[in-house]
Amino acid sequence: MVTLLCISLFLWEIRDSLYRCHHVHTADVIKIRLQMQLAGQRGNLVGMGAIFTQMVEKEGPRSLYLGFVPALTRSLVYGGLRLGLYEPCKHVCSYAFGSTNFAFKFASGVVAGALATTLTNPMEVLKVRSQMSTRRISTIGMMRKIVAEEGLKALWKGVGPAMVRAGCLTASQMATYDEAKQALLKLTPLEEGFQLHLMSSCIAGTAGTLVTAPIDMIKTRLMLQKESKGDRVYRNGFHCAYQVVRTEGVRSLYKGGFATFARLGPQTAITFIACEKLRELVGMTAI
């Protein structure tokens, strides 16, 4: 049964990754552009619509799919790892501490997300660099360029904030979804099924956005700075956060926040609904 679930999750992850990348990648590209606007200075920010229009007019419609290949590659590995590692981590907590309360669920999500993003950080760096580039460069070409100019370690730029973001995202999504389901089952007439899964995943998507949007913005800034050219502005994640707040204001930490939700909301709903259906098909209990 476990083998069947693993095969099903792998096949679903391929299909889900293709679907998510195709339908939400545009929002991700716009989110990155929003996070980088007016870097290091205050001013009036433009919204998603203005960025979308500027990109199509100046760079063409294909610019909305910059970084698609590394995004898809990362999604295939990262999505499966963080979801697959959550349940074992939760069982370890249950065995070691005899409890799976919200704190332990959150901790399980942090560990699962952090491990998954450590392995996939190079693909994230390639994705972000490609999305900010106005020139068409292949994924391999971008990787060679980064390694040649900045060294192999550059592929793990921003891995600290990325691990924090992935840990917080997985924890906030999984723990919130888990707890929201239990609360809805107790407080409403809803039963195990599509409506319950949809409502719980929407709550989880909102929580994930609120928790991770500032960390995601810091991660993007760190991944895009090029140390080899003397452009290093931020020493680490904490310094980046301090500099952003000092020079751009506290609200700047949520630059691209709506675009983050536009990407993360549907992604969270698709992920949990499909995962619950697969667990049902192989005879496992719901999350």
C-alpha atoms as a PDB file:
ATOM      1  CA  MET A   1       0.000   0.000   0.000  1.00  0.00           C
ATOM      2  CA  VAL A   2       2.863   2.374   0.831  1.00  0.00           C
ATOM      3  CA  THR A   3       4.515   1.563  -2.506  1.00  0.00           C
ATOM      4  CA  LEU A   4       1.263   2.259  -4.336  1.00  0.00           C
ATOM      5  CA  LEU A   5       0.891   5.573  -2.529  1.00  0.00           C
ATOM      6  CA  CYS A   6       4.465   6.578  -3.408  1.00  0.00           C
ATOM      7  CA  ILE A   7       3.906   5.767  -7.083  1.00  0.00           C
ATOM      8  CA  SER A   8       0.581   7.615  -7.070  1.00  0.00           C
ATOM      9  CA  LEU A   9       2.107  10.647  -5.358  1.00  0.00           C
ATOM     10  CA  PHE A  10       4.984  10.708  -7.844  1.00  0.00           C
ATOM     11  CA  LEU A  11       2.658  10.547 -10.872  1.00  0.00           C
ATOM     12  CA  TRP A  12       0.328  13.121  -9.337  1.00  0.00           C
ATOM     13  CA  GLU A  13       3.268  15.399  -8.532  1.00  0.00           C
ATOM     14  CA  ILE A  14       4.329  15.361 -12.198  1.00  0.00           C
ATOM     15  CA  ARG A  15       0.801  16.213 -13.366  1.00  0.00           C
ATOM     16  CA  ASP A  16       0.240  18.739 -10.589  1.00  0.00           C
ATOM     17  CA  SER A  17       3.583  20.439 -11.203  1.00  0.00           C
ATOM     18  CA  LEU A  18       2.824  20.829 -14.902  1.00  0.00           C
ATOM     19  CA  TYR A  19      -0.623  22.252 -14.107  1.00  0.00           C
ATOM     20  CA  ARG A  20       0.586  24.621 -11.386  1.00  0.00           C
ATOM     21  CA  CYS A  21       3.578  25.875 -13.348  1.00  0.00           C
ATOM     22  CA  HIS A  22       1.465  26.513 -16.437  1.00  0.00           C
ATOM     23  CA  HIS A  23      -1.347  28.310 -14.626  1.00  0.00           C
ATOM     24  CA  VAL A  24       0.438  30.188 -11.837  1.00  0.00           C
ATOM     25  CA  HIS A  25       3.896  30.815 -13.306  1.00  0.00           C
ATOM     26  CA  THR A  26       2.843  34.180 -14.735  1.00  0.00           C
ATOM     27  CA  ALA A  27       1.871  35.346 -11.229  1.00  0.00           C
ATOM     28  CA  ASP A  28       5.258  34.168  -9.970  1.00  0.00           C
ATOM     29  CA  VAL A  29       7.152  36.180 -12.615  1.00  0.00           C
ATOM     30  CA  ILE A  30       5.118  39.289 -11.797  1.00  0.00           C
ATOM     31  CA  LYS A  31       5.685  38.693  -8.074  1.00  0.00           C
ATOM     32  CA  ILE A  32       9.471  38.700  -8.566  1.00  0.00           C
ATOM     33  CA  ARG A  33       9.310  41.937 -10.603  1.00  0.00           C
ATOM     34  CA  LEU A  34       7.128  43.532  -7.906  1.00  0.00           C
ATOM     35  CA  GLN A  35       9.540  42.506  -5.151  1.00  0.00           C
ATOM     36  CA  MET A  36      12.474  44.105  -6.975  1.00  0.00           C
ATOM     37  CA  GLN A  37      10.879  47.429  -7.882  1.00  0.00           C
ATOM     38  CA  LEU A  38      12.371  50.526  -6.223  1.00  0.00           C
ATOM     39  CA  ALA A  39      14.975  48.392  -4.456  1.00  0.00           C
ATOM     40  CA  GLY A  40      16.768  50.547  -1.885  1.00  0.00           C
ATOM     41  CA  GLN A  41      14.478  53.548  -2.171  1.00  0.00           C
ATOM     42  CA  ARG A  42      11.017  54.787  -1.326  1.00  0.00           C
ATOM     43  CA  GLY A  43       8.434  55.779  -3.872  1.00  0.00           C
ATOM     44  CA  ASN A  44       5.089  54.981  -5.438  1.00  0.00           C
ATOM     45  CA  LEU A  45       4.811  51.304  -6.315  1.00  0.00           C
ATOM     46  CA  VAL A  46       2.961  50.054  -9.365  1.00  0.00           C
ATOM     47  CA  GLY A  47       0.591  47.097  -9.168  1.00  0.00           C
ATOM     48  CA  MET A  48       0.261  43.738 -10.878  1.00  0.00           C
ATOM     49  CA  GLY A  49      -1.655  45.163 -13.829  1.00  0.00           C
ATOM     50  CA  ALA A  50       0.985  47.779 -14.621  1.00  0.00           C
ATOM     51  CA  ILE A  51       3.843  45.267 -14.384  1.00  0.00           C
ATOM     52  CA  PHE A  52       1.944  42.837 -16.605  1.00  0.00           C
ATOM     53  CA  THR A  53       1.326  45.522 -19.238  1.00  0.00           C
ATOM     54  CA  GLN A  54       4.933  46.757 -19.156  1.00  0.00           C
ATOM     55  CA  MET A  55       6.326  43.252 -19.610  1.00  0.00           C
ATOM     56  CA  VAL A  56       4.054  42.404 -22.529  1.00  0.00           C
ATOM     57  CA  GLU A  57       4.719  45.730 -24.280  1.00  0.00           C
ATOM     58  CA  LYS A  58       8.502  45.854 -23.757  1.00  0.00           C
ATOM     59  CA  GLU A  59       9.516  42.184 -23.642  1.00  0.00           C
ATOM     60  CA  GLY A  60       6.667  40.375 -25.363  1.00  0.00           C
ATOM     61  CA  PRO A  61       4.133  37.809 -24.072  1.00  0.00           C
ATOM     62  CA  ARG A  62       6.828  35.122 -23.775  1.00  0.00           C
ATOM     63  CA  SER A  63       8.453  37.110 -20.960  1.00  0.00           C
ATOM     64  CA  LEU A  64       5.572  35.996 -18.705  1.00  0.00           C
ATOM     65  CA  TYR A  65       7.046  32.478 -18.832  1.00  0.00           C
ATOM     66  CA  LEU A  66      10.664  33.355 -18.051  1.00  0.00           C
ATOM     67  CA  GLY A  67      12.258  30.721 -15.813  1.00  0.00           C
ATOM     68  CA  PHE A  68       9.577  28.130 -16.589  1.00  0.00           C
ATOM     69  CA  VAL A  69      11.985  25.175 -16.988  1.00  0.00           C
ATOM     70  CA  PRO A  70      13.823  25.584 -13.636  1.00  0.00           C
ATOM     71  CA  ALA A  71      10.470  26.333 -11.963  1.00  0.00           C
ATOM     72  CA  LEU A  72       8.999  23.076 -13.269  1.00  0.00           C
ATOM     73  CA  THR A  73      12.107  21.084 -12.343  1.00  0.00           C
ATOM     74  CA  ARG A  74      12.088  22.483  -8.814  1.00  0.00           C
ATOM     75  CA  SER A  75       8.378  21.934  -8.406  1.00  0.00           C
ATOM     76  CA  LEU A  76       8.649  18.249  -9.319  1.00  0.00           C
ATOM     77  CA  VAL A  77      11.257  17.567  -6.626  1.00  0.00           C
ATOM     78  CA  TYR A  78      10.396  20.144  -3.966  1.00  0.00           C
ATOM     79  CA  GLY A  79       6.646  19.541  -3.876  1.00  0.00           C
ATOM     80  CA  GLY A  80       6.970  15.795  -3.493  1.00  0.00           C
ATOM     81  CA  LEU A  81       9.680  16.033  -0.838  1.00  0.00           C
ATOM     82  CA  ARG A  82       7.970  18.502   1.461  1.00  0.00           C
ATOM     83  CA  LEU A  83       4.613  16.713   1.350  1.00  0.00           C
ATOM     84  CA  GLY A  84       6.188  13.288   1.611  1.00  0.00           C
ATOM     85  CA  LEU A  85       8.380  14.188   4.587  1.00  0.00           C
ATOM     86  CA  TYR A  86       5.600  15.824   6.638  1.00  0.00           C
ATOM     87  CA  GLU A  87       3.818  12.619   7.700  1.00  0.00           C
ATOM     88  CA  PRO A  88       7.024  10.776   8.790  1.00  0.00           C
ATOM     89  CA  CYS A  89       8.108  13.853  10.787  1.00  0.00           C
ATOM     90  CA  LYS A  90       4.699  13.988  12.457  1.00  0.00           C
ATOM     91  CA  HIS A  91       4.887  10.270  13.320  1.00  0.00           C
ATOM     92  CA  VAL A  92       8.349  10.784  14.847  1.00  0.00           C
ATOM     93  CA  CYS A  93       6.945  13.550  17.065  1.00  0.00           C
ATOM     94  CA  SER A  94       4.038  11.320  18.035  1.00  0.00           C
ATOM     95  CA  TYR A  95       6.406   8.466  18.914  1.00  0.00           C
ATOM     96  CA  ALA A  96       8.955  10.628  20.745  1.00  0.00           C
ATOM     97  CA  PHE A  97       6.636  12.996  22.604  1.00  0.00           C
ATOM     98  CA  GLY A  98       3.310  11.178  22.553  1.00  0.00           C
ATOM     99  CA  SER A  99       1.578  14.193  21.011  1.00  0.00           C
ATOM    100  CA  THR A 100       0.752  15.707  17.637  1.00  0.00           C
ATOM    101  CA  ASN A 101      -0.630  19.061  18.751  1.00  0.00           C
ATOM    102  CA  PHE A 102      -0.332  22.201  16.614  1.00  0.00           C
ATOM    103  CA  ALA A 103       3.215  22.962  17.808  1.00  0.00           C
ATOM    104  CA  PHE A 104       4.492  19.528  16.776  1.00  0.00           C
ATOM    105  CA  LYS A 105       2.652  19.714  13.462  1.00  0.00           C
ATOM    106  CA  PHE A 106       4.252  23.095  12.838  1.00  0.00           C
ATOM    107  CA  ALA A 107       7.693  21.729  13.730  1.00  0.00           C
ATOM    108  CA  SER A 108       7.183  18.767  11.378  1.00  0.00           C
ATOM    109  CA  GLY A 109       6.352  21.135   8.551  1.00  0.00           C
ATOM    110  CA  VAL A 110       9.425  23.272   9.258  1.00  0.00           C
ATOM    111  CA  VAL A 111      11.753  20.250   9.047  1.00  0.00           C
ATOM    112  CA  ALA A 112      10.100  18.889   5.890  1.00  0.00           C
ATOM    113  CA  GLY A 113      10.164  22.233   4.090  1.00  0.00           C
ATOM    114  CA  ALA A 114      13.732  23.091   5.102  1.00  0.00           C
ATOM    115  CA  LEU A 115      15.121  19.746   3.898  1.00  0.00           C
ATOM    116  CA  ALA A 116      13.261  19.969   0.599  1.00  0.00           C
ATOM    117  CA  THR A 117      14.428  23.494  -0.214  1.00  0.00           C
ATOM    118  CA  THR A 118      18.080  22.767   0.639  1.00  0.00           C
ATOM    119  CA  LEU A 119      18.179  20.231  -2.181  1.00  0.00           C
ATOM    120  CA  THR A 120      16.321  22.401  -4.701  1.00  0.00           C
ATOM    121  CA  ASN A 121      17.807  25.864  -4.014  1.00  0.00           C
ATOM    122  CA  PRO A 122      19.948  25.914  -7.217  1.00  0.00           C
ATOM    123  CA  MET A 123      16.791  25.591  -9.332  1.00  0.00           C
ATOM    124  CA  GLU A 124      15.200  28.455  -7.380  1.00  0.00           C
ATOM    125  CA  VAL A 125      18.230  30.694  -8.014  1.00  0.00           C
ATOM    126  CA  LEU A 126      18.138  29.864 -11.735  1.00  0.00           C
ATOM    127  CA  LYS A 127      14.394  30.567 -11.818  1.00  0.00           C
ATOM    128  CA  VAL A 128      14.684  33.956 -10.111  1.00  0.00           C
ATOM    129  CA  ARG A 129      17.661  35.054 -12.231  1.00  0.00           C
ATOM    130  CA  SER A 130      15.843  34.021 -15.428  1.00  0.00           C
ATOM    131  CA  GLN A 131      12.685  35.878 -14.397  1.00  0.00           C
ATOM    132  CA  MET A 132      14.599  39.123 -13.900  1.00  0.00           C
ATOM    133  CA  SER A 133      16.654  38.780 -17.096  1.00  0.00           C
ATOM    134  CA  THR A 134      15.533  40.706 -20.176  1.00  0.00           C
ATOM    135  CA  ARG A 135      17.667  38.438 -22.371  1.00  0.00           C
ATOM    136  CA  ARG A 136      16.578  34.943 -23.390  1.00  0.00           C
ATOM    137  CA  ILE A 137      19.096  32.563 -21.781  1.00  0.00           C
ATOM    138  CA  SER A 138      18.599  28.813 -21.447  1.00  0.00           C
ATOM    139  CA  THR A 139      18.648  27.213 -18.002  1.00  0.00           C
ATOM    140  CA  ILE A 140      22.016  25.552 -18.697  1.00  0.00           C
ATOM    141  CA  GLY A 141      23.377  28.828 -20.088  1.00  0.00           C
ATOM    142  CA  MET A 142      22.225  30.716 -16.995  1.00  0.00           C
ATOM    143  CA  MET A 143      23.817  28.130 -14.706  1.00  0.00           C
ATOM    144  CA  ARG A 144      27.140  28.307 -16.578  1.00  0.00           C
ATOM    145  CA  LYS A 145      27.053  32.109 -16.430  1.00  0.00           C
ATOM    146  CA  ILE A 146      26.429  32.177 -12.666  1.00  0.00           C
ATOM    147  CA  VAL A 147      29.109  29.571 -11.892  1.00  0.00           C
ATOM    148  CA  ALA A 148      31.665  31.262 -14.181  1.00  0.00           C
ATOM    149  CA  GLU A 149      31.103  34.756 -12.765  1.00  0.00           C
ATOM    150  CA  GLU A 150      30.255  34.057  -9.131  1.00  0.00           C
ATOM    151  CA  GLY A 151      31.318  30.490  -8.342  1.00  0.00           C
ATOM    152  CA  LEU A 152      29.430  27.296  -7.545  1.00  0.00           C
ATOM    153  CA  LYS A 153      28.383  28.590  -4.119  1.00  0.00           C
ATOM    154  CA  ALA A 154      26.251  31.224  -5.856  1.00  0.00           C
ATOM    155  CA  LEU A 155      23.699  28.499  -6.645  1.00  0.00           C
ATOM    156  CA  TRP A 156      22.967  28.351  -2.921  1.00  0.00           C
ATOM    157  CA  LYS A 157      22.556  32.109  -2.487  1.00  0.00           C
ATOM    158  CA  GLY A 158      19.634  32.914  -0.245  1.00  0.00           C
ATOM    159  CA  VAL A 159      19.412  29.307   0.969  1.00  0.00           C
ATOM    160  CA  GLY A 160      19.012  30.494   4.586  1.00  0.00           C
ATOM    161  CA  PRO A 161      15.894  32.624   3.966  1.00  0.00           C
ATOM    162  CA  ALA A 162      14.728  30.015   1.438  1.00  0.00           C
ATOM    163  CA  MET A 163      14.885  27.319   4.134  1.00  0.00           C
ATOM    164  CA  VAL A 164      13.066  29.593   6.582  1.00  0.00           C
ATOM    165  CA  ARG A 165      10.445  30.399   3.947  1.00  0.00           C
ATOM    166  CA  ALA A 166       9.973  26.764   2.912  1.00  0.00           C
ATOM    167  CA  GLY A 167       9.853  25.635   6.529  1.00  0.00           C
ATOM    168  CA  CYS A 168       7.310  28.310   7.461  1.00  0.00           C
ATOM    169  CA  LEU A 169       5.301  27.699   4.273  1.00  0.00           C
ATOM    170  CA  THR A 170       5.085  23.947   4.762  1.00  0.00           C
ATOM    171  CA  ALA A 171       4.432  24.348   8.475  1.00  0.00           C
ATOM    172  CA  SER A 172       1.764  27.040   8.057  1.00  0.00           C
ATOM    173  CA  GLN A 173       0.079  25.162   5.208  1.00  0.00           C
ATOM    174  CA  MET A 174       0.152  21.646   6.669  1.00  0.00           C
ATOM    175  CA  ALA A 175      -0.483  22.547  10.305  1.00  0.00           C
ATOM    176  CA  THR A 176      -3.166  25.132   9.457  1.00  0.00           C
ATOM    177  CA  TYR A 177      -4.870  22.752   7.018  1.00  0.00           C
ATOM    178  CA  ASP A 178      -4.774  19.965   9.600  1.00  0.00           C
ATOM    179  CA  GLU A 179      -6.175  22.154  12.368  1.00  0.00           C
ATOM    180  CA  ALA A 180      -8.722  23.919  10.117  1.00  0.00           C
ATOM    181  CA  LYS A 181     -10.142  20.562   9.061  1.00  0.00           C
ATOM    182  CA  GLN A 182     -10.576  19.435  12.648  1.00  0.00           C
ATOM    183  CA  ALA A 183     -12.206  22.736  13.621  1.00  0.00           C
ATOM    184  CA  LEU A 184     -14.585  22.704  10.637  1.00  0.00           C
ATOM    185  CA  LEU A 185     -15.573  19.099  11.345  1.00  0.00           C
ATOM    186  CA  LYS A 186     -16.427  20.024  14.945  1.00  0.00           C
ATOM    187  CA  LEU A 187     -18.058  23.429  14.392  1.00  0.00           C
ATOM    188  CA  THR A 188     -19.887  22.925  11.075  1.00  0.00           C
ATOM    189  CA  PRO A 189     -22.040  20.204   9.490  1.00  0.00           C
ATOM    190  CA  LEU A 190     -19.322  19.564   6.895  1.00  0.00           C
ATOM    191  CA  GLU A 191     -18.077  15.995   6.465  1.00  0.00           C
ATOM    192  CA  GLU A 192     -14.923  14.554   4.936  1.00  0.00           C
ATOM    193  CA  GLY A 193     -15.036  15.460   1.243  1.00  0.00           C
ATOM    194  CA  PHE A 194     -14.400  18.085  -1.437  1.00  0.00           C
ATOM    195  CA  GLN A 195     -16.087  21.034   0.303  1.00  0.00           C
ATOM    196  CA  LEU A 196     -14.206  20.453   3.554  1.00  0.00           C
ATOM    197  CA  HIS A 197     -10.894  20.048   1.722  1.00  0.00           C
ATOM    198  CA  LEU A 198     -11.483  23.196  -0.351  1.00  0.00           C
ATOM    199  CA  MET A 199     -12.350  25.394   2.628  1.00  0.00           C
ATOM    200  CA  SER A 200      -9.461  24.071   4.705  1.00  0.00           C
ATOM    201  CA  SER A 201      -6.978  24.549   1.852  1.00  0.00           C
ATOM    202  CA  CYS A 202      -8.160  28.146   1.282  1.00  0.00           C
ATOM    203  CA  ILE A 203      -7.520  28.912   4.962  1.00  0.00           C
ATOM    204  CA  ALA A 204      -4.102  27.234   4.682  1.00  0.00           C
ATOM    205  CA  GLY A 205      -3.249  29.225   1.535  1.00  0.00           C
ATOM    206  CA  THR A 206      -4.100  32.523   3.237  1.00  0.00           C
ATOM    207  CA  ALA A 207      -2.040  31.644   6.312  1.00  0.00           C
ATOM    208  CA  GLY A 208       0.874  30.567   4.124  1.00  0.00           C
ATOM    209  CA  THR A 209       0.850  33.871   2.237  1.00  0.00           C
ATOM    210  CA  LEU A 210       0.767  36.020   5.386  1.00  0.00           C
ATOM    211  CA  VAL A 211       3.623  34.094   6.975  1.00  0.00           C
ATOM    212  CA  THR A 212       5.930  33.736   3.982  1.00  0.00           C
ATOM    213  CA  ALA A 213       5.501  36.898   1.848  1.00  0.00           C
ATOM    214  CA  PRO A 214       8.154  38.955   3.741  1.00  0.00           C
ATOM    215  CA  ILE A 215      10.605  36.007   3.828  1.00  0.00           C
ATOM    216  CA  ASP A 216      10.046  35.393   0.122  1.00  0.00           C
ATOM    217  CA  MET A 217      10.831  39.006  -0.706  1.00  0.00           C
ATOM    218  CA  ILE A 218      14.087  38.876   1.303  1.00  0.00           C
ATOM    219  CA  LYS A 219      15.041  35.590  -0.360  1.00  0.00           C
ATOM    220  CA  THR A 220      14.498  37.127  -3.806  1.00  0.00           C
ATOM    221  CA  ARG A 221      16.698  40.145  -3.020  1.00  0.00           C
ATOM    222  CA  LEU A 222      19.540  37.901  -1.787  1.00  0.00           C
ATOM    223  CA  MET A 223      19.360  35.578  -4.783  1.00  0.00           C
ATOM    224  CA  LEU A 224      19.538  38.445  -7.249  1.00  0.00           C
ATOM    225  CA  GLN A 225      22.523  40.344  -5.847  1.00  0.00           C
ATOM    226  CA  LYS A 226      25.781  39.701  -7.701  1.00  0.00           C
ATOM    227  CA  GLU A 227      28.787  39.753  -5.405  1.00  0.00           C
ATOM    228  CA  SER A 228      31.389  39.346  -8.152  1.00  0.00           C
ATOM    229  CA  LYS A 229      30.634  42.824  -9.495  1.00  0.00           C
ATOM    230  CA  GLY A 230      30.824  44.531  -6.124  1.00  0.00           C
ATOM    231  CA  ASP A 231      27.055  44.934  -5.937  1.00  0.00           C
ATOM    232  CA  ARG A 232      26.649  43.166  -2.591  1.00  0.00           C
ATOM    233  CA  VAL A 233      24.154  45.265  -0.666  1.00  0.00           C
ATOM    234  CA  TYR A 234      22.916  42.703   1.849  1.00  0.00           C
ATOM    235  CA  ARG A 235      25.209  40.636   4.095  1.00  0.00           C
ATOM    236  CA  ASN A 236      22.529  38.139   5.176  1.00  0.00           C
ATOM    237  CA  GLY A 237      18.789  37.774   5.609  1.00  0.00           C
ATOM    238  CA  PHE A 238      18.562  39.872   8.787  1.00  0.00           C
ATOM    239  CA  HIS A 239      20.642  42.647   7.261  1.00  0.00           C
ATOM    240  CA  CYS A 240      18.481  42.536   4.142  1.00  0.00           C
ATOM    241  CA  ALA A 241      15.289  42.870   6.207  1.00  0.00           C
ATOM    242  CA  TYR A 242      16.760  45.777   8.163  1.00  0.00           C
ATOM    243  CA  GLN A 243      17.922  47.589   5.026  1.00  0.00           C
ATOM    244  CA  VAL A 244      14.605  47.086   3.253  1.00  0.00           C
ATOM    245  CA  VAL A 245      12.609  48.429   6.211  1.00  0.00           C
ATOM    246  CA  ARG A 246      15.028  51.344   6.697  1.00  0.00           C
ATOM    247  CA  THR A 247      15.190  52.456   3.070  1.00  0.00           C
ATOM    248  CA  GLU A 248      11.788  51.386   1.719  1.00  0.00           C
ATOM    249  CA  GLY A 249       9.474  51.172   4.720  1.00  0.00           C
ATOM    250  CA  VAL A 250       7.840  48.311   6.646  1.00  0.00           C
ATOM    251  CA  ARG A 251       5.110  47.791   4.049  1.00  0.00           C
ATOM    252  CA  SER A 252       7.776  47.010   1.463  1.00  0.00           C
ATOM    253  CA  LEU A 253       8.216  43.599   3.109  1.00  0.00           C
ATOM    254  CA  TYR A 254       4.892  42.698   1.519  1.00  0.00           C
ATOM    255  CA  LYS A 255       5.808  43.853  -1.984  1.00  0.00           C
ATOM    256  CA  GLY A 256       4.204  41.385  -4.352  1.00  0.00           C
ATOM    257  CA  GLY A 257       2.016  40.026  -1.551  1.00  0.00           C
ATOM    258  CA  PHE A 258      -1.154  39.885  -3.642  1.00  0.00           C
ATOM    259  CA  ALA A 259       0.740  38.219  -6.485  1.00  0.00           C
ATOM    260  CA  THR A 260       2.094  35.725  -3.950  1.00  0.00           C
ATOM    261  CA  PHE A 261      -1.459  34.882  -2.881  1.00  0.00           C
ATOM    262  CA  ALA A 262      -2.629  34.686  -6.510  1.00  0.00           C
ATOM    263  CA  ARG A 263       0.024  32.012  -7.011  1.00  0.00           C
ATOM    264  CA  LEU A 264      -0.049  30.290  -3.616  1.00  0.00           C
ATOM    265  CA  GLY A 265      -3.822  30.202  -3.083  1.00  0.00           C
ATOM    266  CA  PRO A 266      -4.739  28.046  -6.111  1.00  0.00           C
ATOM    267  CA  GLN A 267      -1.563  25.989  -5.684  1.00  0.00           C
ATOM    268  CA  THR A 268      -2.456  25.131  -2.083  1.00  0.00           C
ATOM    269  CA  ALA A 269      -6.025  24.191  -2.981  1.00  0.00           C
ATOM    270  CA  ILE A 270      -4.932  21.946  -5.875  1.00  0.00           C
ATOM    271  CA  THR A 271      -2.236  20.304  -3.763  1.00  0.00           C
ATOM    272  CA  PHE A 272      -4.403  19.362  -0.791  1.00  0.00           C
ATOM    273  CA  ILE A 273      -7.499  18.337  -2.743  1.00  0.00           C
ATOM    274  CA  ALA A 274      -5.453  16.058  -5.022  1.00  0.00           C
ATOM    275  CA  CYS A 275      -3.444  14.660  -2.113  1.00  0.00           C
ATOM    276  CA  GLU A 276      -6.581  13.836  -0.116  1.00  0.00           C
ATOM    277  CA  LYS A 277      -8.114  12.108  -3.147  1.00  0.00           C
ATOM    278  CA  LEU A 278      -5.007   9.991  -3.673  1.00  0.00           C
ATOM    279  CA  ARG A 279      -4.963   8.959  -0.015  1.00  0.00           C
ATOM    280  CA  GLU A 280      -8.595   7.928  -0.330  1.00  0.00           C
ATOM    281  CA  LEU A 281      -7.906   5.892  -3.491  1.00  0.00           C
ATOM    282  CA  VAL A 282      -5.124   3.869  -1.857  1.00  0.00           C
ATOM    283  CA  GLY A 283      -7.134   3.258   1.302  1.00  0.00           C
ATOM    284  CA  MET A 284      -5.311   5.638   3.645  1.00  0.00           C
ATOM    285  CA  THR A 285      -6.944   7.913   6.197  1.00  0.00           C
ATOM    286  CA  ALA A 286      -7.315  11.607   5.424  1.00  0.00           C
ATOM    287  CA  ILE A 287      -4.680  14.106   6.555  1.00  0.00           C
END
